[in-house]
Protein backbone atom coordinates (compact mmCIF):
# COMPACT_ATOMS: atom_id res chain seq x y z
CA MET A 1 -3.04 -37.86 1.48
CA ARG A 2 -1.80 -36.93 4.94
CA ARG A 3 -1.33 -33.28 3.87
CA LEU A 4 -4.87 -33.13 2.55
CA SER A 5 -6.22 -34.66 5.77
CA VAL A 6 -4.42 -32.01 7.82
CA LEU A 7 -5.86 -29.32 5.55
CA LEU A 8 -9.39 -30.63 6.02
CA PHE A 9 -8.82 -30.66 9.79
CA LEU A 10 -7.73 -27.02 9.59
CA ILE A 11 -10.90 -26.17 7.66
CA LEU A 12 -13.10 -27.80 10.28
CA MET A 13 -11.28 -25.98 13.10
CA THR A 14 -11.57 -22.67 11.28
CA THR A 15 -15.26 -23.14 10.60
CA SER A 16 -16.04 -24.04 14.21
CA CYS A 17 -14.00 -21.17 15.64
CA ALA A 18 -14.64 -18.48 13.04
CA VAL A 19 -16.68 -16.27 15.34
CA THR A 20 -13.98 -16.10 18.00
CA GLN A 21 -10.99 -16.00 15.66
CA ALA A 22 -12.18 -13.21 13.40
CA ASN A 23 -11.76 -9.60 14.43
CA PRO A 24 -14.93 -8.27 12.75
CA PRO A 25 -14.95 -4.89 10.96
CA VAL A 26 -16.16 -1.85 12.87
CA ALA A 27 -19.74 -1.08 11.88
CA GLY A 28 -20.95 2.31 10.69
CA ARG A 29 -17.77 3.44 8.96
CA SER A 30 -16.74 3.72 5.32
CA TYR A 31 -13.58 1.87 4.29
CA THR A 32 -11.58 1.41 1.11
CA LEU A 33 -12.03 -2.35 1.59
CA THR A 34 -15.43 -3.87 2.35
CA SER A 35 -16.11 -7.38 3.65
CA VAL A 36 -17.76 -9.46 0.90
CA SER A 37 -18.55 -13.03 -0.09
CA PRO A 38 -15.78 -14.90 -1.96
CA PRO A 39 -15.62 -13.95 -5.66
CA HIS A 40 -15.17 -17.57 -6.89
CA GLY A 41 -13.56 -18.75 -10.12
CA TYR A 42 -9.86 -19.13 -9.25
CA GLY A 43 -8.93 -20.78 -12.54
CA ASP A 44 -6.01 -18.64 -13.78
CA ILE A 45 -3.37 -20.01 -11.40
CA ASP A 46 0.26 -20.24 -12.45
CA ARG A 47 1.34 -22.16 -9.37
CA LYS A 48 5.06 -21.80 -10.01
CA SER A 49 4.89 -17.98 -10.36
CA LEU A 50 2.49 -17.62 -7.46
CA ARG A 51 4.80 -19.64 -5.18
CA GLU A 52 7.69 -17.42 -6.24
CA ALA A 53 5.74 -14.25 -5.43
CA ILE A 54 4.59 -15.57 -2.05
CA GLN A 55 8.11 -16.64 -1.09
CA SER A 56 9.41 -13.16 -1.97
CA ASN A 57 6.71 -11.58 0.16
CA LEU A 58 7.50 -13.79 3.13
CA SER A 59 11.03 -12.38 3.21
CA TYR A 60 9.48 -8.89 3.62
CA LEU A 61 6.87 -9.84 6.21
CA GLU A 62 9.28 -11.84 8.35
CA GLN A 63 11.44 -8.74 8.84
CA LEU A 64 8.59 -6.57 10.17
CA ASP A 65 8.16 -5.76 13.82
CA THR A 66 5.69 -8.13 15.45
CA ASP A 67 3.56 -5.13 16.46
CA THR A 68 2.96 -4.16 12.81
CA ARG A 69 -0.76 -3.84 12.03
CA PHE A 70 -2.74 -3.70 8.78
CA ASN A 71 -6.26 -2.45 8.14
CA TYR A 72 -8.57 -4.81 6.24
CA GLY A 73 -11.84 -2.90 5.95
CA GLY A 74 -11.88 -2.03 9.64
CA ARG A 75 -10.47 -5.36 10.79
CA ILE A 76 -7.05 -4.65 12.28
CA VAL A 77 -4.75 -7.52 11.37
CA ARG A 78 -1.40 -8.39 12.96
CA VAL A 79 1.58 -9.24 10.81
CA GLU A 80 1.53 -12.81 12.11
CA GLU A 81 -1.96 -13.21 10.63
CA VAL A 82 -0.72 -12.00 7.26
CA LEU A 83 2.19 -14.43 7.47
CA ARG A 84 -0.18 -17.27 8.29
CA THR A 85 -2.34 -16.34 5.29
CA HIS A 86 0.69 -16.55 2.99
CA LYS A 87 1.85 -19.89 4.37
CA THR A 88 -1.62 -21.40 4.19
CA LEU A 89 -2.02 -20.27 0.58
CA LEU A 90 1.35 -21.84 -0.22
CA TRP A 91 0.18 -25.06 1.39
CA ILE A 92 -3.03 -24.96 -0.63
CA MET A 93 -1.10 -24.46 -3.88
CA ASP A 94 1.03 -27.51 -3.03
CA THR A 95 -1.88 -29.67 -1.93
CA VAL A 96 -5.15 -28.92 -3.70
CA GLU A 97 -5.63 -29.83 -7.37
CA SER A 98 -9.42 -30.07 -7.61
CA ARG A 99 -11.15 -26.81 -8.58
CA GLU A 100 -14.19 -27.79 -6.55
CA MET A 101 -12.06 -28.32 -3.44
CA LEU A 102 -10.23 -25.03 -4.08
CA GLU A 103 -13.55 -23.17 -4.28
CA PHE A 104 -14.66 -24.69 -0.99
CA ILE A 105 -11.38 -24.02 0.81
CA MET A 106 -10.99 -20.41 -0.35
CA GLY A 107 -14.50 -19.58 0.81
CA THR A 108 -14.10 -21.34 4.15
CA LEU A 109 -10.58 -20.55 5.34
CA PHE A 110 -10.43 -16.88 4.37
CA GLU A 111 -12.27 -13.61 4.81
CA TRP A 112 -12.55 -11.55 1.63
CA TYR A 113 -12.50 -7.77 1.20
CA LYS A 114 -13.30 -5.89 -1.98
CA ALA A 115 -11.87 -2.49 -3.01
CA SER A 116 -14.44 0.29 -3.30
CA GLY A 117 -12.99 1.33 -6.66
CA VAL A 118 -13.28 4.54 -8.64
CA ASP A 119 -17.07 4.62 -8.31
CA GLY A 120 -17.61 3.29 -4.81
CA LYS A 121 -19.15 0.19 -6.41
CA GLY A 122 -15.98 -1.87 -6.85
CA THR A 123 -14.86 -0.79 -10.32
CA VAL A 124 -11.06 -0.68 -10.48
CA VAL A 125 -8.92 0.57 -13.38
CA PHE A 126 -5.97 -1.69 -14.19
CA THR A 127 -2.86 -0.52 -16.01
CA GLY A 128 0.50 -2.20 -16.47
CA TYR A 129 4.20 -1.48 -16.04
CA TYR A 130 7.32 -3.26 -17.21
CA ILE A 131 11.11 -3.13 -17.50
CA PRO A 132 12.01 -1.08 -20.58
CA GLU A 133 15.23 -1.51 -22.53
CA VAL A 134 16.77 1.73 -23.85
CA GLU A 135 19.88 2.82 -25.73
CA GLY A 136 22.51 4.49 -23.55
CA SER A 137 26.14 5.08 -22.69
CA LEU A 138 28.34 5.47 -19.64
CA PHE A 139 29.78 8.62 -21.21
CA PRO A 140 28.12 11.66 -22.81
CA THR A 141 28.46 12.03 -26.58
CA GLU A 142 26.62 13.90 -29.30
CA GLU A 143 24.33 10.87 -29.59
CA TYR A 144 23.90 10.21 -25.87
CA ARG A 145 22.91 13.55 -24.38
CA TYR A 146 20.14 12.85 -21.85
CA PRO A 147 21.45 12.01 -18.36
CA LEU A 148 20.12 9.72 -15.69
CA TYR A 149 21.04 10.91 -12.21
CA ARG A 150 21.70 9.18 -8.93
CA PRO A 151 20.13 10.86 -5.86
CA PRO A 152 21.95 14.20 -5.34
CA ASP A 153 23.79 14.67 -2.07
CA ASP A 154 21.45 17.48 -0.95
CA LEU A 155 18.23 15.56 -1.71
CA LYS A 156 16.11 15.21 1.42
CA GLN A 157 13.26 12.75 1.82
CA ASP A 158 9.74 14.25 1.87
CA GLN A 159 11.04 17.69 0.87
CA PRO A 160 10.41 19.17 -2.59
CA TYR A 161 13.54 19.38 -4.73
CA TYR A 162 14.16 20.81 -8.20
CA THR A 163 11.39 20.10 -10.73
CA ARG A 164 11.74 18.17 -13.99
CA LYS A 165 11.89 21.45 -15.91
CA GLU A 166 14.71 22.74 -13.70
CA ILE A 167 16.68 19.49 -13.86
CA ASP A 168 16.28 18.61 -17.54
CA GLY A 169 15.48 22.03 -19.00
CA LYS A 170 17.84 24.26 -17.04
CA GLY A 171 20.45 21.60 -16.24
CA VAL A 172 20.74 22.52 -12.55
CA LEU A 173 22.36 19.15 -11.73
CA GLY A 174 24.62 18.99 -14.76
CA LYS A 175 28.37 18.38 -14.39
CA LYS A 176 28.17 17.81 -10.64
CA GLY A 177 29.05 14.14 -10.76
CA PHE A 178 25.52 12.81 -10.21
CA GLU A 179 25.17 11.31 -13.70
CA ILE A 180 25.23 7.50 -13.91
CA ALA A 181 24.45 7.16 -17.64
CA TRP A 182 23.35 9.12 -20.71
CA LEU A 183 20.49 8.06 -22.99
CA ALA A 184 19.90 8.65 -26.68
CA ASP A 185 16.19 9.56 -26.55
CA PRO A 186 14.45 12.02 -24.18
CA VAL A 187 11.09 10.28 -24.67
CA GLU A 188 12.51 6.88 -23.68
CA ALA A 189 14.29 8.55 -20.76
CA TYR A 190 10.97 9.97 -19.56
CA PHE A 191 9.17 6.64 -19.72
CA LEU A 192 12.07 4.97 -17.94
CA HIS A 193 11.26 7.40 -15.12
CA ILE A 194 7.63 6.31 -15.25
CA GLN A 195 8.48 2.59 -15.08
CA GLY A 196 11.08 3.07 -12.33
CA SER A 197 13.46 0.32 -13.50
CA GLY A 198 15.05 -0.62 -16.79
CA MET A 199 17.90 -2.03 -18.79
CA ILE A 200 20.37 0.21 -20.65
CA ARG A 201 21.84 -1.27 -23.82
CA LEU A 202 25.39 0.08 -24.09
CA PRO A 203 27.27 0.74 -27.38
CA ASP A 204 29.37 -2.44 -27.01
CA GLY A 205 26.20 -4.56 -26.79
CA SER A 206 26.36 -5.19 -23.05
CA LYS A 207 23.48 -4.29 -20.76
CA MET A 208 23.27 -2.49 -17.43
CA GLY A 209 20.34 -2.46 -15.02
CA VAL A 210 19.09 0.69 -13.32
CA HIS A 211 16.55 0.78 -10.50
CA TYR A 212 14.56 3.44 -8.67
CA ALA A 213 16.58 5.16 -5.93
CA GLY A 214 14.47 8.20 -5.00
CA ASN A 215 12.37 11.08 -6.28
CA ASN A 216 12.25 14.86 -6.05
CA GLY A 217 9.23 15.03 -3.76
CA HIS A 218 6.80 16.47 -6.31
CA SER A 219 3.45 14.89 -7.12
CA TYR A 220 3.06 12.89 -10.31
CA VAL A 221 1.09 14.53 -13.14
CA SER A 222 -0.08 12.35 -16.03
CA ILE A 223 0.93 13.84 -19.38
CA GLY A 224 -1.50 11.47 -21.09
CA LYS A 225 -4.41 12.86 -19.10
CA SER A 226 -3.22 16.39 -19.81
CA LEU A 227 -3.10 15.73 -23.56
CA ILE A 228 -6.59 14.22 -23.48
CA ASP A 229 -8.04 17.01 -21.31
CA HIS A 230 -6.74 19.63 -23.75
CA GLY A 231 -8.12 17.78 -26.74
CA THR A 232 -4.65 17.17 -28.15
CA ILE A 233 -5.22 13.42 -28.43
CA ARG A 234 -8.36 11.28 -28.25
CA PRO A 235 -8.97 9.14 -25.12
CA GLU A 236 -8.28 5.95 -27.09
CA GLU A 237 -4.83 7.36 -27.95
CA GLY A 238 -3.90 7.79 -24.30
CA SER A 239 -2.01 4.51 -23.99
CA LEU A 240 1.78 4.44 -23.76
CA PRO A 241 2.20 3.65 -27.49
CA GLY A 242 -0.26 6.40 -28.39
CA ILE A 243 1.50 9.03 -26.28
CA LYS A 244 4.88 8.01 -27.70
CA ARG A 245 3.53 8.32 -31.25
CA TYR A 246 2.29 11.84 -30.56
CA LEU A 247 5.57 12.95 -28.98
CA ARG A 248 7.66 11.54 -31.83
CA SER A 249 5.50 13.26 -34.43
CA HIS A 250 5.70 16.60 -32.57
CA PRO A 251 9.35 16.90 -31.45
CA ASP A 252 9.02 20.64 -30.97
CA GLN A 253 6.46 20.03 -28.19
CA VAL A 254 8.32 17.29 -26.31
CA ASP A 255 10.00 19.45 -23.67
CA ALA A 256 6.84 21.44 -22.86
CA ILE A 257 4.72 18.29 -22.58
CA LEU A 258 7.17 16.35 -20.41
CA ASP A 259 7.68 19.36 -18.13
CA LYS A 260 3.99 19.21 -17.17
CA ASN A 261 4.98 16.35 -14.88
CA PRO A 262 7.27 17.94 -12.24
CA ARG A 263 8.06 14.59 -10.59
CA TYR A 264 11.58 13.35 -11.25
CA ILE A 265 13.11 9.94 -10.56
CA PHE A 266 16.68 9.20 -9.50
CA PHE A 267 18.34 5.85 -10.21
CA LYS A 268 21.06 3.50 -9.07
CA ILE A 269 23.01 0.97 -11.10
CA ASP A 270 21.69 -2.45 -10.15
CA ASN A 271 21.74 -5.59 -12.27
CA SER A 272 19.61 -7.62 -9.89
CA GLN A 273 16.00 -8.58 -10.50
CA ALA A 274 13.49 -5.70 -10.48
CA LYS A 275 12.20 -4.91 -7.00
CA GLY A 276 9.14 -3.04 -5.79
CA SER A 277 8.70 -0.67 -2.87
CA LEU A 278 8.87 -3.62 -0.44
CA GLN A 279 12.42 -4.25 -1.74
CA VAL A 280 11.60 -7.81 -2.77
CA PRO A 281 11.83 -9.16 -6.34
CA LEU A 282 8.74 -8.60 -8.47
CA THR A 283 7.12 -11.57 -10.23
CA PRO A 284 5.76 -10.88 -13.74
CA GLY A 285 1.99 -11.12 -13.81
CA HIS A 286 1.76 -11.75 -10.07
CA SER A 287 3.00 -8.49 -8.51
CA ILE A 288 0.84 -5.38 -8.35
CA ALA A 289 1.23 -1.76 -7.29
CA THR A 290 -1.49 0.03 -5.33
CA ASP A 291 -1.83 3.10 -3.14
CA PRO A 292 0.04 2.23 0.10
CA ALA A 293 -2.04 4.75 2.04
CA LEU A 294 -5.19 2.74 1.32
CA PHE A 295 -4.29 -0.92 0.83
CA PRO A 296 -2.30 -3.32 3.07
CA ARG A 297 1.30 -3.51 1.88
CA GLY A 298 2.40 -7.06 1.23
CA GLY A 299 -1.16 -8.39 1.27
CA VAL A 300 -2.44 -11.36 -0.71
CA SER A 301 -4.80 -10.06 -3.40
CA PHE A 302 -7.09 -11.44 -6.06
CA ILE A 303 -7.83 -9.61 -9.29
CA LYS A 304 -10.32 -9.85 -12.14
CA THR A 305 -9.67 -7.90 -15.33
CA THR A 306 -8.84 -8.29 -19.03
CA VAL A 307 -5.36 -8.24 -20.55
CA PRO A 308 -4.05 -8.09 -24.12
CA VAL A 309 -2.86 -11.12 -26.03
CA VAL A 310 0.40 -10.20 -27.81
CA ASP A 311 1.84 -12.37 -30.58
CA PRO A 312 5.60 -12.73 -31.27
CA SER A 313 5.47 -9.94 -33.87
CA GLY A 314 4.25 -7.49 -31.22
CA ALA A 315 0.67 -7.29 -32.50
CA ILE A 316 -2.27 -7.40 -30.08
CA THR A 317 -4.45 -10.24 -31.38
CA GLY A 318 -7.18 -10.01 -28.76
CA TRP A 319 -8.03 -9.67 -25.09
CA ARG A 320 -8.62 -12.32 -22.45
CA GLU A 321 -10.08 -12.32 -18.97
CA ILE A 322 -7.82 -13.17 -16.04
CA LYS A 323 -8.77 -14.15 -12.50
CA ARG A 324 -5.67 -14.69 -10.40
CA PHE A 325 -4.01 -14.37 -7.02
CA VAL A 326 -1.36 -11.65 -6.87
CA LEU A 327 0.80 -9.95 -4.23
CA ASN A 328 0.61 -6.27 -3.33
CA GLN A 329 4.34 -5.50 -3.54
CA ASP A 330 4.76 -2.06 -5.07
CA GLU A 331 3.50 1.51 -5.39
CA GLY A 332 3.70 4.24 -8.01
CA GLY A 333 3.47 8.01 -8.29
CA GLY A 334 0.40 7.75 -10.53
CA ILE A 335 -1.24 4.87 -8.68
CA LYS A 336 -3.40 6.72 -6.19
CA GLY A 337 -6.87 6.20 -4.80
CA PRO A 338 -9.08 3.15 -4.19
CA GLY A 339 -9.63 2.43 -7.88
CA ARG A 340 -6.13 2.07 -9.36
CA VAL A 341 -3.94 -1.00 -9.78
CA ASP A 342 -0.76 -1.43 -11.83
CA ILE A 343 0.22 -4.98 -12.88
CA PHE A 344 3.92 -5.76 -13.33
CA TRP A 345 4.55 -7.54 -16.64
CA GLY A 346 8.32 -8.11 -16.51
CA GLY A 347 10.75 -7.29 -19.31
CA GLY A 348 10.96 -7.62 -23.07
CA PRO A 349 9.09 -6.09 -26.03
CA GLU A 350 5.93 -8.15 -25.55
CA SER A 351 5.70 -7.10 -21.89
CA GLY A 352 6.08 -3.47 -22.91
CA ILE A 353 3.27 -3.72 -25.43
CA ALA A 354 0.98 -5.54 -23.00
CA ALA A 355 1.70 -3.12 -20.16
CA GLY A 356 1.48 0.00 -22.30
CA SER A 357 -1.85 -1.01 -23.83
CA MET A 358 -3.68 -1.67 -20.58
CA LYS A 359 -6.37 0.58 -19.17
CA GLU A 360 -8.97 -2.00 -18.26
CA ARG A 361 -11.76 -2.19 -15.72
CA GLY A 362 -11.93 -4.97 -13.18
CA GLU A 363 -12.14 -5.89 -9.52
CA LEU A 364 -9.62 -6.02 -6.66
CA TYR A 365 -9.90 -8.17 -3.53
CA PHE A 366 -7.74 -8.80 -0.48
CA LEU A 367 -7.99 -11.92 1.65
CA ILE A 368 -6.90 -12.84 5.13
CA GLN A 369 -7.13 -16.16 6.94
CA ARG A 370 -9.90 -16.43 9.49
């Protein structure tokens, strides 16, 4: 009861001081985020997972320089304000059970900003990513012929390096000691690059984790989009399972298709929990990747979209709407612009199916305490 009383006091103070506390957006300019009324309907809350994601984010924010600033639709926000937003949301999750009270609090304590989306009207395209599990070995054999590389010694940040075609096709890095593992399938190796982290299942049954450790400095090119644009596959076949099916049924085209994406990922052996670009653990269903040039890194977000329902056999039995708080903890080579969000689904076959099947429309919001 005392905690709730303190919360109500905070609401009253915020309401009475909102004009002086808020740093209002600059008028007359176009921003990726626009100040809006609260979206309402915060029903899809997994409090345990949300707490976990917020706690991970706090470890990132608390290490930032106190002068760090973030842009929320023209409102320049200090890192201490972002920290306060996280801690207040944690407090709310621990204190408020009533949906009616939650609606009131979220609309009173926070300012809300909506992403402009792909159309300038707030439509955002949501996809998913996950931790794949692939067959591999610590030594090359006739079966395991496709290497994963650690960052080469002459790789320089922000400078273009060898392309995918040069590395995989011409073998320019081969036998130089940069290999950390060899995989059995070039298609699975490629999609491990796309996901950025994964588990390698070794011949003795043990597993080894690999995580993103760098890239070759080339821009990401979507092979799915390329296949659709050339009429090779239909748009509805452009999901991860659909692209894999096409590649497996046309093995003679695999190299040429994969080479269309010059971007190449380097890995490190790491058995810890998957981490995003903020170098904090990702929380399945509550961590997202966005364009870091446009959206505040480490910000508290709220999303509305639809996601697949996957049964234990791996079949998609339907789709359901989600409305949930998430944390902006990652980025991706293909996640660019104001209308793209990638949701992290975790590991396991069901996560892979859910993530690979997503290309859904929705809405993206960011919130900051008044």
